[in-house]
Amino acid sequence: MKTDALTNPIIKAATEALQNGDRKSWSALFEPDAELYDDGSPRSLKEFTRYALGHERFTSIDRVENKSP
């Protein structure tokens, strides 16, 4: 999957780490108390990292938006 549409370097790095199953790079991008939401539902970041990285991947990026507060 191409990540060219991602212009935020942190988002791009996280997406690429997820795609590559790179737990070390992925984990380095998050604060220890970061909260993860998966399809709108809270999910443990530690559990997600342990069980999803290396197995789950994005198949496409349909839209990129910048919704800064």
C-alpha atoms as a PDB file:
ATOM      1  CA  MET A   1       0.000   0.000   0.000  1.00  0.00           C
ATOM      2  CA  LYS A   2       1.264   3.463  -0.873  1.00  0.00           C
ATOM      3  CA  THR A   3       1.517   6.024   1.914  1.00  0.00           C
ATOM      4  CA  ASP A   4       2.305   9.005  -0.332  1.00  0.00           C
ATOM      5  CA  ALA A   5      -0.948  10.771   0.591  1.00  0.00           C
ATOM      6  CA  LEU A   6       0.096  10.920   4.238  1.00  0.00           C
ATOM      7  CA  THR A   7       1.839  14.236   4.850  1.00  0.00           C
ATOM      8  CA  ASN A   8       2.037  14.177   8.651  1.00  0.00           C
ATOM      9  CA  PRO A   9       5.351  12.438   9.410  1.00  0.00           C
ATOM     10  CA  ILE A  10       4.109  10.819  12.632  1.00  0.00           C
ATOM     11  CA  ILE A  11       0.967   9.424  10.993  1.00  0.00           C
ATOM     12  CA  LYS A  12       3.035   8.184   8.063  1.00  0.00           C
ATOM     13  CA  ALA A  13       5.579   6.524  10.396  1.00  0.00           C
ATOM     14  CA  ALA A  14       2.811   4.851  12.443  1.00  0.00           C
ATOM     15  CA  THR A  15       1.071   3.586   9.303  1.00  0.00           C
ATOM     16  CA  GLU A  16       4.306   2.228   7.876  1.00  0.00           C
ATOM     17  CA  ALA A  17       5.220   0.570  11.201  1.00  0.00           C
ATOM     18  CA  LEU A  18       1.783  -1.079  11.318  1.00  0.00           C
ATOM     19  CA  GLN A  19       2.090  -2.227   7.715  1.00  0.00           C
ATOM     20  CA  ASN A  20       5.544  -3.684   8.383  1.00  0.00           C
ATOM     21  CA  GLY A  21       4.638  -5.238  11.741  1.00  0.00           C
ATOM     22  CA  ASP A  22       7.432  -3.189  13.335  1.00  0.00           C
ATOM     23  CA  ARG A  23       6.475  -3.206  17.019  1.00  0.00           C
ATOM     24  CA  LYS A  24       9.543  -1.268  18.173  1.00  0.00           C
ATOM     25  CA  SER A  25       8.987   1.658  15.768  1.00  0.00           C
ATOM     26  CA  TRP A  26       5.208   1.577  16.367  1.00  0.00           C
ATOM     27  CA  SER A  27       5.535   1.669  20.155  1.00  0.00           C
ATOM     28  CA  ALA A  28       8.088   4.497  20.074  1.00  0.00           C
ATOM     29  CA  LEU A  29       5.465   6.765  18.453  1.00  0.00           C
ATOM     30  CA  PHE A  30       3.046   6.638  21.417  1.00  0.00           C
ATOM     31  CA  GLU A  31       3.073   8.057  24.924  1.00  0.00           C
ATOM     32  CA  PRO A  32       2.827   5.367  27.636  1.00  0.00           C
ATOM     33  CA  ASP A  33      -0.734   6.429  28.530  1.00  0.00           C
ATOM     34  CA  ALA A  34      -1.984   6.829  24.943  1.00  0.00           C
ATOM     35  CA  GLU A  35      -5.577   5.744  24.291  1.00  0.00           C
ATOM     36  CA  LEU A  36      -6.426   3.736  21.194  1.00  0.00           C
ATOM     37  CA  TYR A  37      -9.828   3.681  19.535  1.00  0.00           C
ATOM     38  CA  ASP A  38     -10.548   0.961  17.004  1.00  0.00           C
ATOM     39  CA  ASP A  39     -13.651   1.655  14.900  1.00  0.00           C
ATOM     40  CA  GLY A  40     -14.736   4.150  17.553  1.00  0.00           C
ATOM     41  CA  SER A  41     -14.421   1.763  20.490  1.00  0.00           C
ATOM     42  CA  PRO A  42     -11.703   2.029  23.154  1.00  0.00           C
ATOM     43  CA  ARG A  43      -9.044  -0.662  22.883  1.00  0.00           C
ATOM     44  CA  SER A  44      -5.908  -1.401  24.851  1.00  0.00           C
ATOM     45  CA  LEU A  45      -2.886  -0.082  22.954  1.00  0.00           C
ATOM     46  CA  LYS A  46      -0.674  -2.728  24.577  1.00  0.00           C
ATOM     47  CA  GLU A  47      -3.050  -5.524  23.583  1.00  0.00           C
ATOM     48  CA  PHE A  48      -3.424  -4.150  20.054  1.00  0.00           C
ATOM     49  CA  THR A  49       0.342  -3.898  19.673  1.00  0.00           C
ATOM     50  CA  ARG A  50       0.869  -7.408  20.998  1.00  0.00           C
ATOM     51  CA  TYR A  51      -1.784  -9.153  18.925  1.00  0.00           C
ATOM     52  CA  ALA A  52      -2.430  -7.027  15.823  1.00  0.00           C
ATOM     53  CA  LEU A  53       0.987  -5.873  14.677  1.00  0.00           C
ATOM     54  CA  GLY A  54       2.266  -8.308  12.115  1.00  0.00           C
ATOM     55  CA  HIS A  55      -1.266  -9.516  11.341  1.00  0.00           C
ATOM     56  CA  GLU A  56      -3.465  -6.485  10.683  1.00  0.00           C
ATOM     57  CA  ARG A  57      -2.783  -4.129   7.791  1.00  0.00           C
ATOM     58  CA  PHE A  58      -4.483  -1.316   5.947  1.00  0.00           C
ATOM     59  CA  THR A  59      -5.605  -2.334   2.492  1.00  0.00           C
ATOM     60  CA  SER A  60      -6.178   1.226   1.303  1.00  0.00           C
ATOM     61  CA  ILE A  61      -6.427   4.812   2.436  1.00  0.00           C
ATOM     62  CA  ASP A  62      -9.640   6.263   1.092  1.00  0.00           C
ATOM     63  CA  ARG A  63      -9.383   9.796   2.419  1.00  0.00           C
ATOM     64  CA  VAL A  64      -6.905  11.983   4.292  1.00  0.00           C
ATOM     65  CA  GLU A  65      -8.173  14.929   6.324  1.00  0.00           C
ATOM     66  CA  ASN A  66      -6.566  17.427   8.656  1.00  0.00           C
ATOM     67  CA  LYS A  67      -9.016  18.191  11.427  1.00  0.00           C
ATOM     68  CA  SER A  68      -6.881  20.125  13.857  1.00  0.00           C
ATOM     69  CA  PRO A  69      -8.657  21.562  16.920  1.00  0.00           C
END
